[in-house]
């Protein structure tokens, strides 16, 4: 695969690697050396969202950042599924191939949470540390506000907006920043260029919008296994100005995992690692320095 012309190599100087899934190639970067840290992005972004973290920690750790199939520099086969449970199955295969043994730090954001936590909940002994950044792992059935958002996003009107207006990237993404001026045109292009046409946006981005209600069984299955994280060192990093995932969702994590340590970043929204990268890097350093198991 040739490097796309739109890719900003000054911002993203990392070497590309690929894992063959059989029906598509999953792109990832593997930078630095030391204890492995796996960085899992959400929607509508790709591993580019972790560029500051990679740059800041590559001298201290091995940073592994995959692009989910359909995102970033990964392939986008027409015969693949793009629901979170499909991405979760591919994440399992990816970890088995790239980091098959030993402890690792798992850092998840947005949809990267449910996608990667499906593996983590079945392998809690592999987790040296778990860091959750503005994410979730439960059904929205008991959350009227999120259910309303999900119902609209997954509706026929939502589909039209995803296809024709690129609503996920042009409307929702800027509004979820604490200060939308931090989403500069240069940075925004690194996300917009990945989905240049209506079909790609429907196949990949709208599939996740629909899943917010359509995959409720998958999400509930994660929640029912939450007790498996009782002995895992968990850190919650939250941009509190997030209009998409408000602080009430952080409170739910804290109630479910009372041993978790929370870092609130009050001048950031949904992407604190984009908006306040130094604060997130420091939070990750604290996480990696903590005891690997709850005493």
C-alpha atoms as a PDB file:
ATOM      1  CA  UNK A   1       0.000   0.000   0.000  1.00  0.00           C
ATOM      2  CA  UNK A   2       1.460   3.365  -1.011  1.00  0.00           C
ATOM      3  CA  UNK A   3       1.462   6.281   1.399  1.00  0.00           C
ATOM      4  CA  UNK A   4      -1.574   8.489   0.707  1.00  0.00           C
ATOM      5  CA  UNK A   5      -0.726  11.943  -0.581  1.00  0.00           C
ATOM      6  CA  UNK A   6      -2.792  13.634   2.127  1.00  0.00           C
ATOM      7  CA  UNK A   7      -0.818  12.101   5.018  1.00  0.00           C
ATOM      8  CA  UNK A   8       1.096  14.737   6.989  1.00  0.00           C
ATOM      9  CA  UNK A   9       4.456  13.079   7.464  1.00  0.00           C
ATOM     10  CA  UNK A  10       5.699  15.852   9.729  1.00  0.00           C
ATOM     11  CA  UNK A  11       2.916  15.039  12.197  1.00  0.00           C
ATOM     12  CA  UNK A  12       2.963  11.289  11.521  1.00  0.00           C
ATOM     13  CA  UNK A  13       6.579  10.182  10.897  1.00  0.00           C
ATOM     14  CA  UNK A  14       6.017   6.581  11.957  1.00  0.00           C
ATOM     15  CA  UNK A  15       6.698   3.470   9.895  1.00  0.00           C
ATOM     16  CA  UNK A  16       3.693   1.500   8.727  1.00  0.00           C
ATOM     17  CA  UNK A  17       3.221  -2.166   9.549  1.00  0.00           C
ATOM     18  CA  UNK A  18       0.410  -4.458   8.476  1.00  0.00           C
ATOM     19  CA  UNK A  19      -1.298  -7.532   9.871  1.00  0.00           C
ATOM     20  CA  UNK A  20      -3.050  -9.710   7.291  1.00  0.00           C
ATOM     21  CA  UNK A  21      -6.570 -10.576   8.441  1.00  0.00           C
ATOM     22  CA  UNK A  22      -7.353 -12.807   5.468  1.00  0.00           C
ATOM     23  CA  UNK A  23      -9.936 -10.475   3.963  1.00  0.00           C
ATOM     24  CA  UNK A  24      -8.045  -7.243   4.541  1.00  0.00           C
ATOM     25  CA  UNK A  25      -4.906  -5.742   6.004  1.00  0.00           C
ATOM     26  CA  UNK A  26      -4.916  -4.023   9.367  1.00  0.00           C
ATOM     27  CA  UNK A  27      -2.440  -1.153   9.611  1.00  0.00           C
ATOM     28  CA  UNK A  28      -0.552  -0.378  12.809  1.00  0.00           C
ATOM     29  CA  UNK A  29       2.534   1.350  14.135  1.00  0.00           C
ATOM     30  CA  UNK A  30       4.952  -0.216  16.601  1.00  0.00           C
ATOM     31  CA  UNK A  31       7.330   2.379  18.013  1.00  0.00           C
ATOM     32  CA  UNK A  32       9.841   2.473  20.843  1.00  0.00           C
ATOM     33  CA  UNK A  33      10.965  -0.227  23.238  1.00  0.00           C
ATOM     34  CA  UNK A  34      10.079  -1.245  26.744  1.00  0.00           C
ATOM     35  CA  UNK A  35       6.828  -2.440  28.320  1.00  0.00           C
ATOM     36  CA  UNK A  36       4.108  -2.702  25.650  1.00  0.00           C
ATOM     37  CA  UNK A  37       1.330  -0.114  25.569  1.00  0.00           C
ATOM     38  CA  UNK A  38      -1.550  -0.741  23.150  1.00  0.00           C
ATOM     39  CA  UNK A  39      -3.452   2.385  22.074  1.00  0.00           C
ATOM     40  CA  UNK A  40      -6.938   1.773  20.680  1.00  0.00           C
ATOM     41  CA  UNK A  41      -8.762   4.542  18.821  1.00  0.00           C
ATOM     42  CA  UNK A  42     -12.482   5.095  18.334  1.00  0.00           C
ATOM     43  CA  UNK A  43     -14.619   6.730  15.660  1.00  0.00           C
ATOM     44  CA  UNK A  44     -14.376   8.710  13.360  1.00  0.00           C
ATOM     45  CA  UNK A  45     -10.599   8.856  13.783  1.00  0.00           C
ATOM     46  CA  UNK A  46      -7.616   6.497  13.456  1.00  0.00           C
ATOM     47  CA  UNK A  47      -4.333   5.947  15.265  1.00  0.00           C
ATOM     48  CA  UNK A  48      -3.258   9.462  14.249  1.00  0.00           C
ATOM     49  CA  UNK A  49      -5.148  10.598  17.367  1.00  0.00           C
ATOM     50  CA  UNK A  50      -2.381   8.990  19.471  1.00  0.00           C
ATOM     51  CA  UNK A  51       0.536  10.774  17.734  1.00  0.00           C
ATOM     52  CA  UNK A  52       1.357  12.998  20.740  1.00  0.00           C
ATOM     53  CA  UNK A  53       1.281  10.042  23.126  1.00  0.00           C
ATOM     54  CA  UNK A  54       3.551   8.009  20.843  1.00  0.00           C
ATOM     55  CA  UNK A  55       6.017  10.871  20.529  1.00  0.00           C
ATOM     56  CA  UNK A  56       5.963  11.524  24.266  1.00  0.00           C
ATOM     57  CA  UNK A  57       6.398   7.935  25.474  1.00  0.00           C
ATOM     58  CA  UNK A  58       8.347   6.117  22.759  1.00  0.00           C
ATOM     59  CA  UNK A  59      11.589   6.496  24.737  1.00  0.00           C
ATOM     60  CA  UNK A  60       9.959   4.757  27.721  1.00  0.00           C
ATOM     61  CA  UNK A  61       7.675   2.090  26.258  1.00  0.00           C
ATOM     62  CA  UNK A  62       6.731   0.100  23.188  1.00  0.00           C
ATOM     63  CA  UNK A  63       3.747   1.901  21.673  1.00  0.00           C
ATOM     64  CA  UNK A  64       1.448  -0.234  19.498  1.00  0.00           C
ATOM     65  CA  UNK A  65      -1.395   1.603  17.759  1.00  0.00           C
ATOM     66  CA  UNK A  66      -3.634  -0.240  15.268  1.00  0.00           C
ATOM     67  CA  UNK A  67      -6.166   1.213  12.843  1.00  0.00           C
ATOM     68  CA  UNK A  68      -9.437  -0.700  12.935  1.00  0.00           C
ATOM     69  CA  UNK A  69     -10.379  -2.156   9.582  1.00  0.00           C
ATOM     70  CA  UNK A  70     -11.960   0.565   7.463  1.00  0.00           C
ATOM     71  CA  UNK A  71     -10.152   3.336   9.348  1.00  0.00           C
ATOM     72  CA  UNK A  72      -6.886   5.160   8.813  1.00  0.00           C
ATOM     73  CA  UNK A  73      -4.411   3.293   6.660  1.00  0.00           C
ATOM     74  CA  UNK A  74      -6.084  -0.113   7.057  1.00  0.00           C
ATOM     75  CA  UNK A  75      -7.967  -1.810   4.250  1.00  0.00           C
ATOM     76  CA  UNK A  76     -11.707  -1.440   3.742  1.00  0.00           C
ATOM     77  CA  UNK A  77     -12.971  -4.696   2.210  1.00  0.00           C
ATOM     78  CA  UNK A  78     -16.608  -4.710   1.130  1.00  0.00           C
ATOM     79  CA  UNK A  79     -17.200  -8.194   2.521  1.00  0.00           C
ATOM     80  CA  UNK A  80     -16.143  -7.344   6.099  1.00  0.00           C
ATOM     81  CA  UNK A  81     -18.401  -6.435   8.994  1.00  0.00           C
ATOM     82  CA  UNK A  82     -17.947  -3.077  10.711  1.00  0.00           C
ATOM     83  CA  UNK A  83     -19.981  -3.514  13.896  1.00  0.00           C
ATOM     84  CA  UNK A  84     -18.069  -3.249  17.189  1.00  0.00           C
ATOM     85  CA  UNK A  85     -18.260  -7.014  17.682  1.00  0.00           C
ATOM     86  CA  UNK A  86     -16.612  -7.482  14.264  1.00  0.00           C
ATOM     87  CA  UNK A  87     -13.827  -5.073  15.189  1.00  0.00           C
ATOM     88  CA  UNK A  88     -13.487  -6.828  18.552  1.00  0.00           C
ATOM     89  CA  UNK A  89     -12.919 -10.209  16.886  1.00  0.00           C
ATOM     90  CA  UNK A  90     -10.226  -8.675  14.694  1.00  0.00           C
ATOM     91  CA  UNK A  91      -8.607  -6.984  17.704  1.00  0.00           C
ATOM     92  CA  UNK A  92      -8.304 -10.380  19.378  1.00  0.00           C
ATOM     93  CA  UNK A  93      -6.524 -11.757  16.312  1.00  0.00           C
ATOM     94  CA  UNK A  94      -4.281  -8.700  16.171  1.00  0.00           C
ATOM     95  CA  UNK A  95      -3.162  -9.006  19.808  1.00  0.00           C
ATOM     96  CA  UNK A  96      -2.533 -12.729  19.371  1.00  0.00           C
ATOM     97  CA  UNK A  97      -0.240 -11.951  16.434  1.00  0.00           C
ATOM     98  CA  UNK A  98       1.551  -8.784  17.555  1.00  0.00           C
ATOM     99  CA  UNK A  99       1.690  -9.062  21.359  1.00  0.00           C
ATOM    100  CA  UNK A 100       0.839 -12.688  22.139  1.00  0.00           C
ATOM    101  CA  UNK A 101       2.220 -13.018  25.681  1.00  0.00           C
ATOM    102  CA  UNK A 102       3.149 -11.089  28.772  1.00  0.00           C
ATOM    103  CA  UNK A 103       1.615  -8.091  30.514  1.00  0.00           C
ATOM    104  CA  UNK A 104       0.601  -4.978  28.615  1.00  0.00           C
ATOM    105  CA  UNK A 105      -0.966  -1.609  29.277  1.00  0.00           C
ATOM    106  CA  UNK A 106      -4.208  -1.158  27.368  1.00  0.00           C
ATOM    107  CA  UNK A 107      -5.357   2.390  26.591  1.00  0.00           C
ATOM    108  CA  UNK A 108      -8.822   2.724  25.038  1.00  0.00           C
ATOM    109  CA  UNK A 109     -10.805   5.679  23.752  1.00  0.00           C
ATOM    110  CA  UNK A 110     -14.402   6.042  22.546  1.00  0.00           C
ATOM    111  CA  UNK A 111     -15.483   2.922  20.570  1.00  0.00           C
ATOM    112  CA  UNK A 112     -11.993   1.569  21.187  1.00  0.00           C
ATOM    113  CA  UNK A 113     -13.267   0.755  24.673  1.00  0.00           C
ATOM    114  CA  UNK A 114     -15.897  -1.849  23.845  1.00  0.00           C
ATOM    115  CA  UNK A 115     -13.811  -3.103  20.913  1.00  0.00           C
ATOM    116  CA  UNK A 116     -10.692  -3.848  22.984  1.00  0.00           C
ATOM    117  CA  UNK A 117     -12.334  -4.582  26.326  1.00  0.00           C
ATOM    118  CA  UNK A 118     -14.005  -7.664  24.874  1.00  0.00           C
ATOM    119  CA  UNK A 119     -10.504  -9.169  24.736  1.00  0.00           C
ATOM    120  CA  UNK A 120      -9.375  -7.592  28.011  1.00  0.00           C
ATOM    121  CA  UNK A 121     -12.308  -8.952  30.020  1.00  0.00           C
ATOM    122  CA  UNK A 122     -11.374 -12.464  28.904  1.00  0.00           C
ATOM    123  CA  UNK A 123      -7.665 -11.879  29.659  1.00  0.00           C
ATOM    124  CA  UNK A 124      -7.499  -9.736  32.821  1.00  0.00           C
ATOM    125  CA  UNK A 125      -4.239 -11.447  33.767  1.00  0.00           C
ATOM    126  CA  UNK A 126      -2.602  -9.914  30.690  1.00  0.00           C
ATOM    127  CA  UNK A 127      -3.374  -6.382  31.859  1.00  0.00           C
ATOM    128  CA  UNK A 128      -0.575  -4.608  33.694  1.00  0.00           C
ATOM    129  CA  UNK A 129      -2.729  -1.474  33.577  1.00  0.00           C
ATOM    130  CA  UNK A 130      -5.982  -0.412  31.939  1.00  0.00           C
ATOM    131  CA  UNK A 131      -6.505   3.236  30.987  1.00  0.00           C
ATOM    132  CA  UNK A 132      -9.977   4.321  29.867  1.00  0.00           C
ATOM    133  CA  UNK A 133     -10.207   7.664  28.053  1.00  0.00           C
ATOM    134  CA  UNK A 134     -13.763   8.987  27.490  1.00  0.00           C
ATOM    135  CA  UNK A 135     -15.221   5.582  26.683  1.00  0.00           C
ATOM    136  CA  UNK A 136     -17.834   3.076  27.893  1.00  0.00           C
ATOM    137  CA  UNK A 137     -18.713  -0.650  28.053  1.00  0.00           C
ATOM    138  CA  UNK A 138     -22.452  -0.924  28.695  1.00  0.00           C
ATOM    139  CA  UNK A 139     -25.783  -0.794  26.922  1.00  0.00           C
ATOM    140  CA  UNK A 140     -27.500   2.598  26.788  1.00  0.00           C
ATOM    141  CA  UNK A 141     -30.912   1.108  27.581  1.00  0.00           C
ATOM    142  CA  UNK A 142     -31.003   2.757  31.011  1.00  0.00           C
ATOM    143  CA  UNK A 143     -29.643   6.115  29.790  1.00  0.00           C
ATOM    144  CA  UNK A 144     -32.458   8.154  28.178  1.00  0.00           C
ATOM    145  CA  UNK A 145     -30.134  10.914  26.946  1.00  0.00           C
ATOM    146  CA  UNK A 146     -27.692   8.558  25.210  1.00  0.00           C
ATOM    147  CA  UNK A 147     -30.581   6.474  23.862  1.00  0.00           C
ATOM    148  CA  UNK A 148     -32.094   9.554  22.216  1.00  0.00           C
ATOM    149  CA  UNK A 149     -28.744  10.446  20.649  1.00  0.00           C
ATOM    150  CA  UNK A 150     -28.228   6.871  19.481  1.00  0.00           C
ATOM    151  CA  UNK A 151     -31.752   6.580  18.053  1.00  0.00           C
ATOM    152  CA  UNK A 152     -31.294   9.735  15.988  1.00  0.00           C
ATOM    153  CA  UNK A 153     -27.769   8.814  14.840  1.00  0.00           C
ATOM    154  CA  UNK A 154     -28.936   5.394  13.663  1.00  0.00           C
ATOM    155  CA  UNK A 155     -32.119   6.620  11.954  1.00  0.00           C
ATOM    156  CA  UNK A 156     -32.792   7.145   8.253  1.00  0.00           C
ATOM    157  CA  UNK A 157     -32.117  10.847   8.716  1.00  0.00           C
ATOM    158  CA  UNK A 158     -28.876   9.974  10.514  1.00  0.00           C
ATOM    159  CA  UNK A 159     -27.859   7.737   7.622  1.00  0.00           C
ATOM    160  CA  UNK A 160     -28.484  10.562   5.158  1.00  0.00           C
ATOM    161  CA  UNK A 161     -26.467  12.959   7.315  1.00  0.00           C
ATOM    162  CA  UNK A 162     -23.573  10.516   7.590  1.00  0.00           C
ATOM    163  CA  UNK A 163     -23.569   9.884   3.852  1.00  0.00           C
ATOM    164  CA  UNK A 164     -24.185  13.371   2.482  1.00  0.00           C
ATOM    165  CA  UNK A 165     -23.008  15.746   5.202  1.00  0.00           C
ATOM    166  CA  UNK A 166     -20.264  13.594   6.761  1.00  0.00           C
ATOM    167  CA  UNK A 167     -21.992  14.377  10.053  1.00  0.00           C
ATOM    168  CA  UNK A 168     -19.683  12.225  12.152  1.00  0.00           C
ATOM    169  CA  UNK A 169     -16.591  14.220  11.209  1.00  0.00           C
ATOM    170  CA  UNK A 170     -17.961  17.636  10.265  1.00  0.00           C
ATOM    171  CA  UNK A 171     -20.666  18.087  12.901  1.00  0.00           C
ATOM    172  CA  UNK A 172     -20.267  15.693  15.844  1.00  0.00           C
ATOM    173  CA  UNK A 173     -16.475  15.673  16.037  1.00  0.00           C
ATOM    174  CA  UNK A 174     -15.945  19.460  16.316  1.00  0.00           C
ATOM    175  CA  UNK A 175     -18.823  19.831  18.775  1.00  0.00           C
ATOM    176  CA  UNK A 176     -17.266  17.254  21.139  1.00  0.00           C
ATOM    177  CA  UNK A 177     -14.032  19.231  21.537  1.00  0.00           C
ATOM    178  CA  UNK A 178     -13.774  21.320  24.677  1.00  0.00           C
ATOM    179  CA  UNK A 179     -12.503  24.132  22.462  1.00  0.00           C
ATOM    180  CA  UNK A 180     -13.211  23.385  18.813  1.00  0.00           C
ATOM    181  CA  UNK A 181     -10.428  25.772  17.754  1.00  0.00           C
ATOM    182  CA  UNK A 182      -8.009  23.021  18.801  1.00  0.00           C
ATOM    183  CA  UNK A 183      -9.290  20.945  15.904  1.00  0.00           C
ATOM    184  CA  UNK A 184      -7.275  22.900  13.373  1.00  0.00           C
ATOM    185  CA  UNK A 185      -7.986  22.567   9.636  1.00  0.00           C
ATOM    186  CA  UNK A 186      -4.658  20.767   9.238  1.00  0.00           C
ATOM    187  CA  UNK A 187      -5.484  18.165  11.878  1.00  0.00           C
ATOM    188  CA  UNK A 188      -9.085  17.824  10.711  1.00  0.00           C
ATOM    189  CA  UNK A 189      -7.907  16.953   7.206  1.00  0.00           C
ATOM    190  CA  UNK A 190      -6.031  13.926   8.540  1.00  0.00           C
ATOM    191  CA  UNK A 191      -9.412  12.516   9.538  1.00  0.00           C
ATOM    192  CA  UNK A 192     -11.620  13.851   6.745  1.00  0.00           C
ATOM    193  CA  UNK A 193      -9.444  12.453   3.968  1.00  0.00           C
ATOM    194  CA  UNK A 194      -9.929   8.877   5.208  1.00  0.00           C
ATOM    195  CA  UNK A 195     -13.636   8.983   4.286  1.00  0.00           C
ATOM    196  CA  UNK A 196     -13.897  10.949   1.030  1.00  0.00           C
ATOM    197  CA  UNK A 197     -17.149   9.419  -0.253  1.00  0.00           C
ATOM    198  CA  UNK A 198     -20.644   8.596   0.962  1.00  0.00           C
ATOM    199  CA  UNK A 199     -20.291   4.821   0.632  1.00  0.00           C
ATOM    200  CA  UNK A 200     -17.189   4.642   2.843  1.00  0.00           C
ATOM    201  CA  UNK A 201     -18.887   6.761   5.482  1.00  0.00           C
ATOM    202  CA  UNK A 202     -21.983   4.573   5.493  1.00  0.00           C
ATOM    203  CA  UNK A 203     -20.122   1.278   5.497  1.00  0.00           C
ATOM    204  CA  UNK A 204     -17.766   2.128   8.348  1.00  0.00           C
ATOM    205  CA  UNK A 205     -18.934   5.180  10.324  1.00  0.00           C
ATOM    206  CA  UNK A 206     -22.705   4.773  10.107  1.00  0.00           C
ATOM    207  CA  UNK A 207     -22.329   1.083  11.008  1.00  0.00           C
ATOM    208  CA  UNK A 208     -21.009   2.167  14.395  1.00  0.00           C
ATOM    209  CA  UNK A 209     -23.732   4.782  14.797  1.00  0.00           C
ATOM    210  CA  UNK A 210     -26.344   2.057  14.242  1.00  0.00           C
ATOM    211  CA  UNK A 211     -24.562  -0.247  16.669  1.00  0.00           C
ATOM    212  CA  UNK A 212     -25.118   2.056  19.624  1.00  0.00           C
ATOM    213  CA  UNK A 213     -28.555   0.447  19.879  1.00  0.00           C
ATOM    214  CA  UNK A 214     -28.166  -2.458  17.455  1.00  0.00           C
ATOM    215  CA  UNK A 215     -25.264  -4.021  19.388  1.00  0.00           C
ATOM    216  CA  UNK A 216     -26.794  -3.567  22.835  1.00  0.00           C
ATOM    217  CA  UNK A 217     -26.395  -7.299  23.524  1.00  0.00           C
ATOM    218  CA  UNK A 218     -22.656  -7.081  22.847  1.00  0.00           C
ATOM    219  CA  UNK A 219     -22.298  -4.032  25.104  1.00  0.00           C
ATOM    220  CA  UNK A 220     -24.341  -5.632  27.874  1.00  0.00           C
ATOM    221  CA  UNK A 221     -22.138  -8.711  27.655  1.00  0.00           C
ATOM    222  CA  UNK A 222     -19.136  -6.522  28.466  1.00  0.00           C
ATOM    223  CA  UNK A 223     -20.915  -4.949  31.430  1.00  0.00           C
ATOM    224  CA  UNK A 224     -21.897  -8.328  32.846  1.00  0.00           C
ATOM    225  CA  UNK A 225     -18.183  -9.258  32.971  1.00  0.00           C
ATOM    226  CA  UNK A 226     -17.025  -6.060  34.698  1.00  0.00           C
ATOM    227  CA  UNK A 227     -16.166  -7.893  37.943  1.00  0.00           C
ATOM    228  CA  UNK A 228     -13.205  -9.410  36.099  1.00  0.00           C
ATOM    229  CA  UNK A 229     -11.495  -6.019  36.363  1.00  0.00           C
ATOM    230  CA  UNK A 230     -11.708  -5.982  40.170  1.00  0.00           C
ATOM    231  CA  UNK A 231      -8.015  -6.820  40.585  1.00  0.00           C
ATOM    232  CA  UNK A 232      -6.748  -4.862  37.580  1.00  0.00           C
ATOM    233  CA  UNK A 233      -5.036  -1.494  37.990  1.00  0.00           C
ATOM    234  CA  UNK A 234      -7.525   0.826  36.267  1.00  0.00           C
ATOM    235  CA  UNK A 235      -7.097   4.509  35.455  1.00  0.00           C
ATOM    236  CA  UNK A 236      -9.820   6.798  34.117  1.00  0.00           C
ATOM    237  CA  UNK A 237      -8.692   9.817  32.085  1.00  0.00           C
ATOM    238  CA  UNK A 238     -11.578  12.110  31.227  1.00  0.00           C
ATOM    239  CA  UNK A 239     -11.984  15.324  29.303  1.00  0.00           C
ATOM    240  CA  UNK A 240     -14.845  16.822  31.289  1.00  0.00           C
ATOM    241  CA  UNK A 241     -16.011  19.226  28.547  1.00  0.00           C
ATOM    242  CA  UNK A 242     -17.105  16.295  26.392  1.00  0.00           C
ATOM    243  CA  UNK A 243     -20.591  16.924  24.965  1.00  0.00           C
ATOM    244  CA  UNK A 244     -20.771  13.371  23.589  1.00  0.00           C
ATOM    245  CA  UNK A 245     -19.711  11.443  26.725  1.00  0.00           C
ATOM    246  CA  UNK A 246     -20.500  13.725  29.687  1.00  0.00           C
ATOM    247  CA  UNK A 247     -19.011  13.333  33.183  1.00  0.00           C
ATOM    248  CA  UNK A 248     -21.998  11.198  34.225  1.00  0.00           C
ATOM    249  CA  UNK A 249     -20.384   8.389  32.224  1.00  0.00           C
ATOM    250  CA  UNK A 250     -17.176   8.827  34.215  1.00  0.00           C
ATOM    251  CA  UNK A 251     -19.257   8.561  37.379  1.00  0.00           C
ATOM    252  CA  UNK A 252     -20.627   5.227  36.178  1.00  0.00           C
ATOM    253  CA  UNK A 253     -17.091   3.898  35.734  1.00  0.00           C
ATOM    254  CA  UNK A 254     -16.194   5.090  39.230  1.00  0.00           C
ATOM    255  CA  UNK A 255     -19.247   3.379  40.701  1.00  0.00           C
ATOM    256  CA  UNK A 256     -18.545   0.133  38.853  1.00  0.00           C
ATOM    257  CA  UNK A 257     -14.805   0.120  39.617  1.00  0.00           C
ATOM    258  CA  UNK A 258     -14.339   1.987  42.905  1.00  0.00           C
ATOM    259  CA  UNK A 259     -10.641   1.136  42.966  1.00  0.00           C
ATOM    260  CA  UNK A 260     -10.033   3.020  39.705  1.00  0.00           C
ATOM    261  CA  UNK A 261      -8.016   6.238  39.838  1.00  0.00           C
ATOM    262  CA  UNK A 262      -9.454   9.175  37.917  1.00  0.00           C
ATOM    263  CA  UNK A 263      -7.727  12.087  36.211  1.00  0.00           C
ATOM    264  CA  UNK A 264     -10.134  14.836  35.168  1.00  0.00           C
ATOM    265  CA  UNK A 265      -8.922  17.210  32.485  1.00  0.00           C
ATOM    266  CA  UNK A 266     -11.199  20.211  32.756  1.00  0.00           C
ATOM    267  CA  UNK A 267      -9.985  22.117  29.675  1.00  0.00           C
ATOM    268  CA  UNK A 268     -10.536  19.225  27.259  1.00  0.00           C
ATOM    269  CA  UNK A 269     -13.479  17.466  25.657  1.00  0.00           C
ATOM    270  CA  UNK A 270     -13.846  14.088  23.999  1.00  0.00           C
ATOM    271  CA  UNK A 271     -10.234  13.888  22.758  1.00  0.00           C
ATOM    272  CA  UNK A 272      -8.083  14.940  25.736  1.00  0.00           C
ATOM    273  CA  UNK A 273      -5.021  13.309  24.132  1.00  0.00           C
ATOM    274  CA  UNK A 274      -5.513  15.684  21.173  1.00  0.00           C
ATOM    275  CA  UNK A 275      -6.536  18.701  23.237  1.00  0.00           C
ATOM    276  CA  UNK A 276      -4.289  18.418  26.308  1.00  0.00           C
ATOM    277  CA  UNK A 277      -1.648  15.847  25.315  1.00  0.00           C
ATOM    278  CA  UNK A 278       0.850  16.646  28.073  1.00  0.00           C
ATOM    279  CA  UNK A 279      -1.763  16.061  30.752  1.00  0.00           C
ATOM    280  CA  UNK A 280      -2.645  12.694  29.210  1.00  0.00           C
ATOM    281  CA  UNK A 281       1.008  11.699  28.832  1.00  0.00           C
ATOM    282  CA  UNK A 282       1.586  12.462  32.512  1.00  0.00           C
ATOM    283  CA  UNK A 283      -1.496  10.435  33.440  1.00  0.00           C
ATOM    284  CA  UNK A 284      -0.172   7.496  31.425  1.00  0.00           C
ATOM    285  CA  UNK A 285       3.202   7.767  33.122  1.00  0.00           C
ATOM    286  CA  UNK A 286       1.478   7.613  36.504  1.00  0.00           C
ATOM    287  CA  UNK A 287      -0.513   4.597  35.366  1.00  0.00           C
ATOM    288  CA  UNK A 288       2.551   2.713  34.165  1.00  0.00           C
ATOM    289  CA  UNK A 289       4.375   3.469  37.419  1.00  0.00           C
ATOM    290  CA  UNK A 290       1.527   2.126  39.594  1.00  0.00           C
ATOM    291  CA  UNK A 291       1.462  -1.419  40.998  1.00  0.00           C
ATOM    292  CA  UNK A 292       0.154  -3.809  38.373  1.00  0.00           C
ATOM    293  CA  UNK A 293      -2.445  -5.346  40.661  1.00  0.00           C
ATOM    294  CA  UNK A 294      -4.889  -3.951  43.202  1.00  0.00           C
ATOM    295  CA  UNK A 295      -3.761  -4.887  46.692  1.00  0.00           C
END
